[in-house]
Amino acid sequence: MKLLALIIYFAVMVGIGIYCRKHATDVNGFVLGGRSVGPWLTAFAYGTSYFSAVVFVGYAGQFGWKYGIAATWAGIGNAVIGSLLAWVILGRRTRIMTQHLDSATMPQFFGRRFNSQALKIVSSAIIFIFLIPYTASLYNGLSRLFGMAFDIDYSVCIILMAVLTAIYVIAGGYMATAINDFIQGIIMLVGISAVIAAVLGSKGGLMAAMDGLARVSDPTVSETPGVFSSFFGPDPLNLMFVVILTSLGTWGLPQMVQKFYAIKNEEAIKKGTIISTLFAMVVAGGCYFLGGFGRLFSDQIDIAANGYDSVIPTMLQNLSPALIALVVILVLSASMSTLSSLVIASSSTLTIDFLKDQFIKDMDDKKQVLFIRALIVVFIAISAIIALIQYKSSVTFIAQLMGISWGALAGAFLAPFLYSLYWKKTTKASCWACFIFGSGIMLLNMLVPGIFPTIMKSPINCGSIAMLAGLVIVPVVSWLTPKPDQKLVDDAFACYEKGTVVAQKTALGQ
């Protein structure tokens, strides 16, 4: 049954990719779906790109074990800050200005917003460096689940997932990814709900599970009785940094922001905001809520020997074969949707922002699409090779680099992108300062351990601080450096002042 479910799932994914070939004939169609993607597809594409196996297996297990039921705050933060506020604050303005500047990627946006080829090239290099290891990390959450569900080598799983993702992304581009994300999102919603019900049922229901969690004690963490079932858990400060990184971080991730480029119209933004928020509340909230009960299985888990990645698989190992099949497809869906989003972001950025005009002059639309497709193969192959190397050996450098990817990308891009949409006085120098600070502080934290205060030793804390610091760096540097060219700024912001005819229910006439 498990194998049959996988075969059907893969067949549907590939079929959709082939069906969407007609939408992927030029750059606008391949990378942005012709900027005509509706609310349901956009909202689910945003949500499924947000939550991968890293969240379900890694983060939910790790933070659930550390903070107990209070880890649910991370899921609530993902829904409110990472989804609702991201759509409200970034959605409309991103769609309007990126179309006005004719930019299909984040580096292209920076290049045209500030009339700087150098900004475009450096931002594309940052994306290339930090998205590849993040892409490789998507395979990791699958290893233990596949070991539990199937008697096959995990290497086969890596190769299979890479090949099938490549087929449907190369064939159908963004539209195929969006439609597949919708299907994968439904699987994630049903799967997480069913798994929570089954796991809590195995412990006597919600109230019995909460009572059991209240009786768990760990003197190495806290002397407070019932701390793992408390409102803020044993370590509120570090929990706050987790919420900031995993929630506010989406505002600066190229593969997330790019979803706003493709929104069809105003109605799609309004509906997409609600759909995306509810999706995040169920999926992210459900994942962290589930992880919060991990310590009820402490008699079966050896964190010292097997790490935090063993928490969720241990919780699921006694479920029925049908539920285990659903869980495997759930985690596959989460990983493949995020993988497809990342490789489109990476390949389009490298083609449009780096190769075009810099090395290959006069690259027309057909050549750009061809290069993007070729680079998708390259990126997926590299990520699969990195995942295989990490699986077969004890290379720790790769794992460290994966841990800082999110913080480096969001630390570099969040503040410059946000201010560029809203504030006319944002300068080119402030973007440079944030690029250097955000990516630099994360690299230093990895390469020179102990250089920063204790609170910044964790990549999560360091990444959160990098993002928050960027919100201060951009206005301070902008005030201290020469003002941007007024004509350039006026042209960029003119898009917000264009008149548009709307229905009378939206705005009253004279």
Protein backbone atom coordinates (compact mmCIF):
# COMPACT_ATOMS: atom_id res chain seq x y z
CA MET A 1 0.00 0.00 0.00
CA LYS A 2 2.81 2.43 0.92
CA LEU A 3 4.60 1.75 -2.36
CA LEU A 4 1.39 2.08 -4.41
CA ALA A 5 0.61 5.44 -2.77
CA LEU A 6 4.09 6.70 -3.66
CA ILE A 7 3.79 5.55 -7.30
CA ILE A 8 0.42 7.31 -7.72
CA TYR A 9 1.79 10.44 -6.05
CA PHE A 10 4.85 10.60 -8.33
CA ALA A 11 2.76 9.93 -11.45
CA VAL A 12 0.45 12.86 -10.64
CA MET A 13 3.40 15.22 -10.05
CA VAL A 14 5.05 14.36 -13.37
CA GLY A 15 1.73 14.49 -15.23
CA ILE A 16 1.08 18.04 -14.02
CA GLY A 17 4.57 19.09 -15.12
CA ILE A 18 3.93 17.81 -18.64
CA TYR A 19 0.45 19.41 -18.72
CA CYS A 20 1.89 22.85 -17.79
CA ARG A 21 4.46 22.97 -20.60
CA LYS A 22 2.36 25.56 -22.47
CA HIS A 23 2.84 28.06 -19.62
CA ALA A 24 6.64 27.76 -19.69
CA THR A 25 7.64 29.04 -23.13
CA ASP A 26 9.21 32.36 -22.04
CA VAL A 27 10.94 33.75 -18.92
CA ASN A 28 7.82 35.45 -17.58
CA GLY A 29 5.82 32.24 -17.96
CA PHE A 30 8.51 29.87 -16.71
CA VAL A 31 9.63 31.89 -13.66
CA LEU A 32 6.41 33.74 -12.70
CA GLY A 33 3.57 31.82 -14.36
CA GLY A 34 2.80 34.89 -16.50
CA ARG A 35 2.00 36.88 -13.31
CA SER A 36 -1.49 35.36 -13.46
CA VAL A 37 -1.50 32.90 -10.56
CA GLY A 38 -4.69 32.90 -8.49
CA PRO A 39 -5.10 33.12 -4.69
CA TRP A 40 -5.34 29.42 -3.86
CA LEU A 41 -2.30 28.41 -5.91
CA THR A 42 -0.22 31.37 -4.69
CA ALA A 43 -1.17 30.86 -1.03
CA PHE A 44 -0.41 27.13 -1.13
CA ALA A 45 2.82 27.75 -3.09
CA TYR A 46 3.87 30.19 -0.36
CA GLY A 47 2.95 27.79 2.44
CA THR A 48 4.48 24.65 0.97
CA SER A 49 7.70 26.50 0.12
CA TYR A 50 7.77 27.71 3.73
CA PHE A 51 7.39 24.34 5.46
CA SER A 52 9.57 21.38 4.50
CA ALA A 53 10.89 18.19 6.10
CA VAL A 54 13.31 20.44 7.99
CA VAL A 55 10.34 21.86 9.92
CA PHE A 56 8.34 18.65 10.33
CA VAL A 57 11.19 16.34 11.33
CA GLY A 58 14.03 18.62 12.44
CA TYR A 59 12.64 21.81 13.97
CA ALA A 60 9.44 20.28 15.42
CA GLY A 61 11.43 17.52 17.11
CA GLN A 62 14.26 19.75 18.34
CA PHE A 63 12.21 22.68 19.65
CA GLY A 64 9.40 20.46 20.94
CA TRP A 65 11.97 18.56 23.01
CA LYS A 66 13.64 21.75 24.26
CA TYR A 67 10.59 23.91 24.98
CA GLY A 68 7.69 21.46 25.35
CA ILE A 69 4.22 22.59 24.34
CA ALA A 70 5.47 26.21 24.29
CA ALA A 71 7.14 25.35 20.94
CA THR A 72 3.67 25.94 19.46
CA TRP A 73 4.51 29.67 19.66
CA ALA A 74 6.87 29.11 16.71
CA GLY A 75 3.93 27.84 14.64
CA ILE A 76 1.73 30.75 15.73
CA GLY A 77 4.55 33.16 14.83
CA ASN A 78 4.92 31.49 11.41
CA ALA A 79 1.20 32.05 10.78
CA VAL A 80 0.88 35.61 12.10
CA ILE A 81 4.30 37.14 11.25
CA GLY A 82 5.60 34.82 8.53
CA SER A 83 2.32 34.60 6.61
CA LEU A 84 -0.35 37.17 7.58
CA LEU A 85 1.93 40.20 8.07
CA ALA A 86 4.19 39.18 5.18
CA TRP A 87 1.22 39.20 2.80
CA VAL A 88 -0.25 42.42 4.21
CA ILE A 89 3.01 44.39 4.27
CA LEU A 90 4.89 42.94 1.29
CA GLY A 91 2.31 41.35 -1.01
CA ARG A 92 0.71 44.27 -2.86
CA ARG A 93 3.75 46.55 -2.98
CA THR A 94 6.04 43.76 -4.16
CA ARG A 95 3.63 42.85 -6.97
CA ILE A 96 3.25 46.47 -8.13
CA MET A 97 6.89 47.61 -8.00
CA THR A 98 8.45 44.41 -9.40
CA GLN A 99 6.14 44.57 -12.41
CA HIS A 100 6.87 48.29 -12.85
CA LEU A 101 10.63 47.64 -12.76
CA ASP A 102 10.19 44.51 -14.92
CA SER A 103 12.10 42.37 -12.40
CA ALA A 104 11.59 38.62 -12.10
CA THR A 105 14.11 38.00 -9.28
CA MET A 106 15.23 39.74 -6.09
CA PRO A 107 18.72 40.65 -7.43
CA GLN A 108 17.12 42.09 -10.58
CA PHE A 109 14.86 44.17 -8.32
CA PHE A 110 17.85 45.58 -6.39
CA GLY A 111 19.73 46.24 -9.63
CA ARG A 112 16.88 48.27 -11.17
CA ARG A 113 15.63 49.93 -7.99
CA PHE A 114 19.12 51.39 -7.32
CA ASN A 115 20.48 51.37 -10.89
CA SER A 116 23.39 49.19 -9.75
CA GLN A 117 24.76 46.24 -11.69
CA ALA A 118 27.14 45.48 -8.81
CA LEU A 119 24.26 45.16 -6.30
CA LYS A 120 22.54 42.75 -8.66
CA ILE A 121 25.62 40.54 -9.11
CA VAL A 122 26.57 40.42 -5.41
CA SER A 123 23.01 39.66 -4.26
CA SER A 124 22.79 36.84 -6.84
CA ALA A 125 26.11 35.46 -5.52
CA ILE A 126 24.77 35.50 -1.93
CA ILE A 127 21.66 33.62 -3.08
CA PHE A 128 23.75 31.06 -4.98
CA ILE A 129 26.10 30.44 -2.02
CA PHE A 130 23.42 30.06 0.64
CA LEU A 131 20.53 28.42 -1.22
CA ILE A 132 22.50 25.36 -2.35
CA PRO A 133 23.20 24.00 1.17
CA TYR A 134 19.66 24.91 2.22
CA THR A 135 18.41 22.89 -0.76
CA ALA A 136 20.54 19.91 0.28
CA SER A 137 19.09 20.01 3.80
CA LEU A 138 15.61 19.20 2.45
CA TYR A 139 16.59 15.58 1.89
CA ASN A 140 17.75 15.07 5.47
CA GLY A 141 14.35 14.90 7.12
CA LEU A 142 13.38 12.00 4.88
CA SER A 143 16.15 9.60 5.85
CA ARG A 144 14.75 8.30 9.14
CA LEU A 145 11.16 8.20 7.88
CA PHE A 146 12.12 6.16 4.84
CA GLY A 147 14.22 3.88 7.01
CA MET A 148 11.16 3.34 9.20
CA ALA A 149 8.66 2.83 6.35
CA PHE A 150 10.64 1.05 3.60
CA ASP A 151 13.45 -1.44 3.44
CA ILE A 152 15.41 0.57 0.84
CA ASP A 153 18.66 2.49 1.00
CA TYR A 154 18.17 6.20 1.64
CA SER A 155 20.42 6.98 -1.34
CA VAL A 156 17.68 5.64 -3.62
CA CYS A 157 15.21 8.04 -1.99
CA ILE A 158 17.52 11.03 -2.59
CA ILE A 159 18.01 10.18 -6.27
CA LEU A 160 14.32 9.42 -6.84
CA MET A 161 13.17 12.66 -5.25
CA ALA A 162 15.76 14.69 -7.19
CA VAL A 163 14.88 13.15 -10.57
CA LEU A 164 11.10 13.48 -10.19
CA THR A 165 11.30 17.06 -8.94
CA ALA A 166 13.57 17.93 -11.86
CA ILE A 167 11.14 16.43 -14.39
CA TYR A 168 8.06 18.39 -13.37
CA VAL A 169 9.89 21.69 -12.70
CA ILE A 170 11.82 21.59 -15.99
CA ALA A 171 8.70 20.66 -17.95
CA GLY A 172 6.19 23.09 -16.46
CA GLY A 173 8.14 25.78 -14.61
CA TYR A 174 6.45 27.92 -11.95
CA MET A 175 2.89 26.99 -12.95
CA ALA A 176 3.61 23.26 -12.59
CA THR A 177 5.23 23.99 -9.24
CA ALA A 178 2.22 26.04 -8.10
CA ILE A 179 -0.34 23.36 -9.07
CA ASN A 180 1.76 20.61 -7.49
CA ASP A 181 2.17 22.79 -4.39
CA PHE A 182 -1.61 23.00 -4.13
CA ILE A 183 -1.95 19.21 -4.17
CA GLN A 184 1.01 18.80 -1.83
CA GLY A 185 -0.48 21.41 0.50
CA ILE A 186 -3.76 19.48 0.78
CA ILE A 187 -1.76 16.34 1.63
CA MET A 188 0.12 18.30 4.31
CA LEU A 189 -3.12 19.65 5.85
CA VAL A 190 -4.78 16.23 5.98
CA GLY A 191 -1.58 14.47 7.04
CA ILE A 192 -0.64 16.69 9.97
CA SER A 193 -4.22 16.65 11.31
CA ALA A 194 -4.42 12.85 11.13
CA VAL A 195 -0.99 12.36 12.70
CA ILE A 196 -1.72 14.67 15.65
CA ALA A 197 -4.99 12.86 16.32
CA ALA A 198 -3.28 9.44 16.14
CA VAL A 199 -0.31 10.36 18.35
CA LEU A 200 -2.45 12.02 21.03
CA GLY A 201 -4.88 9.09 20.83
CA SER A 202 -2.01 6.71 21.60
CA LYS A 203 -1.42 8.66 24.84
CA GLY A 204 -5.06 8.71 25.96
CA GLY A 205 -6.18 11.92 24.25
CA LEU A 206 -5.25 15.59 24.57
CA MET A 207 -5.93 16.07 28.28
CA ALA A 208 -4.16 12.84 29.28
CA ALA A 209 -1.17 13.79 27.08
CA MET A 210 -1.03 17.28 28.65
CA ASP A 211 -1.20 15.73 32.11
CA GLY A 212 1.62 13.34 31.23
CA LEU A 213 3.72 16.22 29.88
CA ALA A 214 3.15 18.20 33.08
CA ARG A 215 4.68 15.31 35.05
CA VAL A 216 7.88 15.21 32.94
CA SER A 217 10.93 16.68 34.65
CA ASP A 218 14.48 17.31 33.49
CA PRO A 219 16.74 18.91 36.11
CA THR A 220 19.36 19.68 33.44
CA VAL A 221 16.83 22.01 31.77
CA SER A 222 14.73 23.40 34.63
CA GLU A 223 13.79 22.67 38.25
CA THR A 224 10.29 24.09 37.75
CA PRO A 225 7.55 21.41 37.93
CA GLY A 226 5.41 21.07 34.81
CA VAL A 227 7.66 23.40 32.81
CA PHE A 228 7.22 21.46 29.55
CA SER A 229 3.45 21.99 29.61
CA SER A 230 3.70 25.67 30.59
CA PHE A 231 2.79 28.72 28.49
CA PHE A 232 6.36 29.89 27.71
CA GLY A 233 8.38 26.76 28.50
CA PRO A 234 11.77 26.50 30.20
CA ASP A 235 13.66 29.04 28.02
CA PRO A 236 11.48 31.94 26.77
CA LEU A 237 14.41 34.03 25.48
CA ASN A 238 15.78 31.40 23.10
CA LEU A 239 12.23 30.45 22.12
CA MET A 240 11.69 34.09 21.10
CA PHE A 241 14.75 33.91 18.80
CA VAL A 242 13.31 30.75 17.19
CA VAL A 243 10.03 32.58 16.54
CA ILE A 244 11.86 35.59 15.03
CA LEU A 245 14.10 33.55 12.73
CA THR A 246 11.43 31.16 11.45
CA SER A 247 8.73 33.85 11.13
CA LEU A 248 10.30 37.19 10.22
CA GLY A 249 12.94 35.39 8.11
CA THR A 250 10.45 34.68 5.31
CA TRP A 251 10.32 38.39 4.51
CA GLY A 252 13.87 38.28 3.18
CA LEU A 253 14.03 34.85 1.51
CA PRO A 254 14.12 35.15 -2.31
CA GLN A 255 12.09 31.98 -2.92
CA MET A 256 9.33 33.24 -0.61
CA VAL A 257 9.14 36.85 -1.77
CA GLN A 258 9.11 35.69 -5.40
CA LYS A 259 5.62 34.24 -4.81
CA PHE A 260 4.27 37.81 -4.55
CA TYR A 261 5.68 38.65 -8.00
CA ALA A 262 3.27 36.20 -9.63
CA ILE A 263 -0.04 37.21 -7.96
CA LYS A 264 -2.85 37.75 -10.48
CA ASN A 265 -4.82 40.68 -9.02
CA GLU A 266 -6.07 42.53 -5.93
CA GLU A 267 -8.72 39.92 -5.14
CA ALA A 268 -6.02 37.21 -5.21
CA ILE A 269 -3.98 39.13 -2.61
CA LYS A 270 -6.95 39.44 -0.23
CA LYS A 271 -7.95 35.78 -0.49
CA GLY A 272 -4.34 34.58 -0.55
CA THR A 273 -3.61 36.39 2.73
CA ILE A 274 -6.39 34.51 4.54
CA ILE A 275 -5.68 31.13 2.92
CA SER A 276 -1.92 31.33 3.55
CA THR A 277 -2.41 32.31 7.20
CA LEU A 278 -4.84 29.47 7.89
CA PHE A 279 -2.55 27.01 6.09
CA ALA A 280 0.41 28.07 8.24
CA MET A 281 -1.65 27.89 11.42
CA VAL A 282 -2.61 24.27 10.72
CA VAL A 283 0.69 23.00 9.27
CA ALA A 284 3.29 24.94 11.27
CA GLY A 285 1.17 25.16 14.40
CA GLY A 286 0.39 21.46 14.11
CA CYS A 287 4.04 20.44 13.58
CA TYR A 288 5.36 22.33 16.61
CA PHE A 289 2.35 21.32 18.73
CA LEU A 290 3.03 17.67 17.86
CA GLY A 291 6.75 18.05 18.63
CA GLY A 292 5.86 19.50 22.03
CA PHE A 293 4.74 16.04 23.18
CA GLY A 294 8.07 14.42 22.23
CA ARG A 295 9.15 13.95 25.84
CA LEU A 296 6.25 11.56 26.41
CA PHE A 297 8.32 9.14 24.32
CA SER A 298 11.59 9.80 26.17
CA ASP A 299 11.88 6.14 27.20
CA GLN A 300 12.32 5.28 23.48
CA ILE A 301 14.54 8.22 22.45
CA ASP A 302 18.27 8.69 23.01
CA ILE A 303 19.01 12.29 22.02
CA ALA A 304 22.74 11.95 22.78
CA ALA A 305 23.09 8.99 20.40
CA ASN A 306 20.55 9.79 17.67
CA GLY A 307 20.00 13.54 17.81
CA TYR A 308 16.78 15.55 17.67
CA ASP A 309 15.89 14.18 14.22
CA SER A 310 14.94 10.93 15.94
CA VAL A 311 12.12 12.50 18.02
CA ILE A 312 9.33 12.73 15.41
CA PRO A 313 10.07 9.37 13.69
CA THR A 314 10.01 7.66 17.11
CA MET A 315 6.62 9.23 17.85
CA LEU A 316 5.27 7.89 14.55
CA GLN A 317 6.81 4.41 14.38
CA ASN A 318 3.84 2.58 15.94
CA LEU A 319 1.17 4.14 13.73
CA SER A 320 -0.84 2.03 11.28
CA PRO A 321 0.67 1.29 7.83
CA ALA A 322 -1.88 3.61 6.20
CA LEU A 323 -0.89 6.53 8.46
CA ILE A 324 2.82 5.87 7.97
CA ALA A 325 2.24 5.96 4.19
CA LEU A 326 0.44 9.29 4.65
CA VAL A 327 3.31 10.64 6.77
CA VAL A 328 5.93 9.63 4.19
CA ILE A 329 3.95 11.33 1.40
CA LEU A 330 3.40 14.35 3.70
CA VAL A 331 7.13 14.79 4.27
CA LEU A 332 7.89 14.09 0.59
CA SER A 333 5.32 16.74 -0.38
CA ALA A 334 6.82 19.27 2.01
CA SER A 335 10.34 18.60 0.74
CA MET A 336 9.59 18.44 -3.00
CA SER A 337 7.53 21.65 -2.93
CA THR A 338 10.31 23.56 -1.14
CA LEU A 339 12.97 21.98 -3.38
CA SER A 340 11.15 23.04 -6.55
CA SER A 341 10.78 26.60 -5.24
CA LEU A 342 14.46 26.83 -4.29
CA VAL A 343 15.83 25.53 -7.59
CA ILE A 344 13.63 27.90 -9.63
CA ALA A 345 14.85 30.81 -7.47
CA SER A 346 18.51 29.72 -7.79
CA SER A 347 18.51 28.96 -11.52
CA SER A 348 16.51 32.05 -12.55
CA THR A 349 18.73 34.28 -10.41
CA LEU A 350 21.95 32.87 -11.87
CA THR A 351 20.66 33.11 -15.46
CA ILE A 352 18.90 36.48 -15.37
CA ASP A 353 21.15 38.31 -12.91
CA PHE A 354 24.56 36.79 -13.54
CA LEU A 355 24.97 35.12 -16.94
CA LYS A 356 22.72 37.40 -18.98
CA ASP A 357 24.57 40.51 -20.21
CA GLN A 358 27.60 39.78 -17.97
CA PHE A 359 28.89 36.76 -19.89
CA ILE A 360 26.36 36.01 -22.63
CA LYS A 361 25.34 39.14 -24.49
CA ASP A 362 21.87 39.55 -26.04
CA MET A 363 20.40 36.41 -24.49
CA ASP A 364 16.84 36.19 -25.82
CA ASP A 365 13.85 34.67 -24.00
CA LYS A 366 14.25 31.18 -25.45
CA LYS A 367 17.93 31.01 -24.51
CA GLN A 368 17.18 32.25 -20.98
CA VAL A 369 14.54 29.56 -20.46
CA LEU A 370 16.96 26.95 -21.84
CA PHE A 371 19.70 28.08 -19.44
CA ILE A 372 17.28 28.16 -16.49
CA ARG A 373 16.20 24.58 -17.27
CA ALA A 374 19.82 23.44 -17.57
CA LEU A 375 20.74 25.09 -14.28
CA ILE A 376 17.77 23.44 -12.55
CA VAL A 377 19.39 20.11 -13.43
CA VAL A 378 22.74 21.37 -12.13
CA PHE A 379 21.33 22.70 -8.85
CA ILE A 380 19.27 19.60 -8.12
CA ALA A 381 22.28 17.39 -8.93
CA ILE A 382 24.58 19.40 -6.63
CA SER A 383 22.07 19.34 -3.77
CA ALA A 384 21.58 15.57 -4.18
CA ILE A 385 25.35 14.99 -4.20
CA ILE A 386 25.79 17.10 -1.04
CA ALA A 387 22.98 15.15 0.64
CA LEU A 388 24.57 11.83 -0.37
CA ILE A 389 28.01 12.95 0.90
CA GLN A 390 26.53 13.99 4.22
CA TYR A 391 24.58 10.72 4.48
CA LYS A 392 27.59 8.53 3.67
CA SER A 393 30.18 10.40 5.74
CA SER A 394 30.51 12.43 8.93
CA VAL A 395 31.02 15.81 7.22
CA THR A 396 29.88 18.44 9.73
CA PHE A 397 30.80 21.57 7.76
CA ILE A 398 27.86 21.03 5.40
CA ALA A 399 25.43 20.74 8.29
CA GLN A 400 26.78 23.97 9.81
CA LEU A 401 26.40 25.77 6.51
CA MET A 402 22.80 24.57 6.23
CA GLY A 403 22.09 25.98 9.68
CA ILE A 404 23.21 29.50 8.76
CA SER A 405 21.59 29.67 5.28
CA TRP A 406 18.26 31.08 6.46
CA GLY A 407 19.86 33.66 8.76
CA ALA A 408 22.37 34.81 6.15
CA LEU A 409 19.80 35.26 3.37
CA ALA A 410 17.21 37.00 5.52
CA GLY A 411 19.87 39.02 7.36
CA ALA A 412 21.23 40.30 4.04
CA PHE A 413 17.97 40.96 2.16
CA LEU A 414 15.05 41.53 4.54
CA ALA A 415 15.70 45.14 5.55
CA PRO A 416 16.93 46.44 2.15
CA PHE A 417 13.96 44.88 0.34
CA LEU A 418 11.37 46.11 2.86
CA TYR A 419 12.70 49.67 2.98
CA SER A 420 13.09 49.78 -0.81
CA LEU A 421 9.35 49.16 -1.20
CA TYR A 422 8.30 51.85 1.30
CA TRP A 423 11.01 54.45 1.88
CA LYS A 424 12.25 56.79 -0.85
CA LYS A 425 15.40 57.73 1.09
CA THR A 426 16.83 54.18 1.10
CA THR A 427 20.34 54.39 -0.37
CA LYS A 428 22.52 52.01 -2.32
CA ALA A 429 25.15 52.20 0.45
CA SER A 430 22.63 50.96 3.04
CA CYS A 431 21.97 47.89 0.87
CA TRP A 432 25.71 47.18 0.69
CA ALA A 433 26.03 47.58 4.47
CA CYS A 434 23.20 45.10 5.09
CA PHE A 435 24.46 42.59 2.50
CA ILE A 436 27.92 42.60 4.10
CA PHE A 437 26.68 42.57 7.70
CA GLY A 438 23.97 39.91 7.26
CA SER A 439 26.00 37.35 5.34
CA GLY A 440 29.28 38.27 7.02
CA ILE A 441 28.11 37.85 10.62
CA MET A 442 26.72 34.39 9.85
CA LEU A 443 29.93 33.26 8.13
CA LEU A 444 32.07 34.57 10.99
CA ASN A 445 29.85 32.82 13.51
CA MET A 446 30.50 29.53 11.68
CA LEU A 447 34.18 29.94 10.78
CA VAL A 448 35.41 31.58 14.01
CA PRO A 449 33.53 29.96 16.94
CA GLY A 450 33.58 32.02 20.10
CA ILE A 451 34.12 35.37 18.39
CA PHE A 452 30.67 36.62 19.45
CA PRO A 453 28.91 36.75 22.87
CA THR A 454 27.42 33.51 24.20
CA ILE A 455 23.89 34.45 23.20
CA MET A 456 24.98 34.57 19.52
CA LYS A 457 26.69 31.16 19.43
CA SER A 458 23.49 29.54 18.15
CA PRO A 459 22.97 30.11 14.39
CA ILE A 460 19.29 30.71 15.19
CA ASN A 461 20.02 33.52 17.65
CA CYS A 462 22.72 34.97 15.41
CA GLY A 463 20.41 34.93 12.38
CA SER A 464 17.61 36.62 14.34
CA ILE A 465 19.99 39.35 15.52
CA ALA A 466 21.28 39.83 11.94
CA MET A 467 17.73 40.40 10.67
CA LEU A 468 16.76 42.80 13.47
CA ALA A 469 20.05 44.69 13.14
CA GLY A 470 19.38 45.17 9.42
CA LEU A 471 16.18 47.08 10.25
CA VAL A 472 18.40 49.60 12.08
CA ILE A 473 21.40 49.53 9.71
CA VAL A 474 19.44 50.53 6.58
CA PRO A 475 17.92 53.79 7.94
CA VAL A 476 21.09 54.79 9.84
CA VAL A 477 23.39 54.26 6.83
CA SER A 478 20.84 55.93 4.53
CA TRP A 479 20.87 59.04 6.73
CA LEU A 480 24.68 59.13 6.79
CA THR A 481 25.29 58.59 3.06
CA PRO A 482 24.46 60.73 -0.02
CA LYS A 483 20.81 60.82 -1.01
CA PRO A 484 19.73 58.60 -3.92
CA ASP A 485 19.09 60.10 -7.35
CA GLN A 486 15.69 61.81 -7.10
CA LYS A 487 14.62 60.96 -10.66
CA LEU A 488 15.43 57.27 -10.11
CA VAL A 489 13.43 57.21 -6.87
CA ASP A 490 10.47 59.09 -8.33
CA ASP A 491 10.34 56.71 -11.28
CA ALA A 492 10.37 53.66 -8.99
CA PHE A 493 7.61 54.99 -6.73
CA ALA A 494 5.50 56.37 -9.58
CA CYS A 495 3.94 52.91 -9.92
CA TYR A 496 2.05 53.37 -6.64
CA GLU A 497 0.39 56.58 -7.87
CA LYS A 498 -0.98 55.28 -11.17
CA GLY A 499 -4.72 55.63 -11.47
CA THR A 500 -6.79 52.48 -11.80
CA VAL A 501 -10.52 51.90 -12.37
CA VAL A 502 -12.22 49.80 -9.70
CA ALA A 503 -15.76 48.67 -8.95
CA GLN A 504 -17.95 51.07 -6.95
CA LYS A 505 -18.14 48.54 -4.09
CA THR A 506 -14.38 49.11 -3.63
CA ALA A 507 -14.37 52.91 -3.96
CA LEU A 508 -17.30 55.39 -4.20
CA GLY A 509 -17.49 57.65 -7.23
CA GLN A 510 -17.84 61.45 -7.12
